[in-house]
Protein backbone atom coordinates (compact mmCIF):
# COMPACT_ATOMS: atom_id res chain seq x y z
CA MET A 1 54.10 162.47 -52.56
CA ASP A 2 52.08 165.15 -51.86
CA ARG A 3 49.60 163.76 -54.16
CA ARG A 4 49.94 160.57 -53.05
CA VAL A 5 51.44 159.15 -56.18
CA LEU A 6 54.92 158.08 -55.05
CA GLN A 7 54.98 156.27 -51.26
CA SER A 8 56.47 158.62 -48.62
CA ASP A 9 59.66 159.17 -48.52
CA ASP A 10 62.72 161.34 -48.73
CA VAL A 11 61.85 163.35 -52.21
CA ALA A 12 65.62 164.21 -52.27
CA GLN A 13 66.59 161.08 -52.38
CA THR A 14 63.96 159.46 -54.34
CA ALA A 15 64.75 162.03 -57.27
CA LEU A 16 68.05 161.00 -57.47
CA SER A 17 67.40 157.42 -57.52
CA ILE A 18 64.68 158.45 -60.41
CA TRP A 19 67.44 160.72 -61.95
CA ALA A 20 70.52 157.74 -61.70
CA HIS A 21 68.23 155.15 -63.44
CA ALA A 22 67.45 157.44 -66.17
CA HIS A 23 70.85 158.78 -66.77
CA GLY A 24 72.15 155.46 -65.99
CA LEU A 25 70.35 153.87 -68.65
CA SER A 26 71.07 156.89 -71.17
CA THR A 27 74.74 156.64 -70.86
CA LEU A 28 74.82 152.84 -71.36
CA TYR A 29 73.25 153.45 -74.88
CA LEU A 30 75.35 156.69 -75.86
CA CYS A 31 78.52 154.71 -74.43
CA GLY A 32 77.93 151.65 -76.52
CA ARG A 33 76.86 149.09 -74.04
CA ILE A 34 73.59 148.77 -75.07
CA THR A 35 73.47 148.13 -78.59
CA VAL A 36 70.00 148.00 -80.05
CA PRO A 37 69.13 150.53 -82.22
CA ARG A 38 67.41 153.39 -80.92
CA ALA A 39 63.59 152.86 -81.14
CA THR A 40 64.23 149.25 -79.14
CA PHE A 41 66.29 151.69 -76.53
CA GLN A 42 63.41 153.79 -76.48
CA LYS A 43 60.62 151.40 -75.57
CA LEU A 44 63.67 149.21 -73.31
CA TYR A 45 64.38 152.60 -71.36
CA MET A 46 60.51 153.28 -70.78
CA ARG A 47 59.36 150.10 -69.59
CA SER A 48 62.19 150.28 -67.14
CA LEU A 49 61.59 153.84 -65.87
CA ASP A 50 58.05 152.69 -66.03
CA ARG A 51 59.04 149.66 -63.52
CA LEU A 52 60.58 151.77 -61.31
CA LEU A 53 58.02 154.07 -61.02
CA HIS A 54 55.52 151.57 -60.22
CA GLY A 55 58.02 150.37 -57.71
CA LEU A 56 57.90 153.62 -55.95
CA ALA A 57 53.94 154.29 -56.45
CA GLU A 58 51.85 154.57 -53.53
CA ARG A 59 50.32 151.25 -52.61
CA THR A 60 45.86 151.49 -51.94
CA GLY A 61 46.03 150.65 -48.65
CA ASN A 62 49.16 151.79 -47.27
CA LYS A 63 49.11 152.86 -43.40
CA SER A 64 52.49 154.90 -43.45
């Protein structure tokens, strides 16, 4: 947020959201709720995390 990569917001809450997303996907995979090969899961995980981070990204022209 200091580098204006992510939108200004509560740092702790944003970090918790990112951690929960990553932990949740990993837990679902390890518990067998996401039943795909490991390489497929890794791609799914990275794409999902990328979507989340893009949603939190600083917008060009943001006037906050």
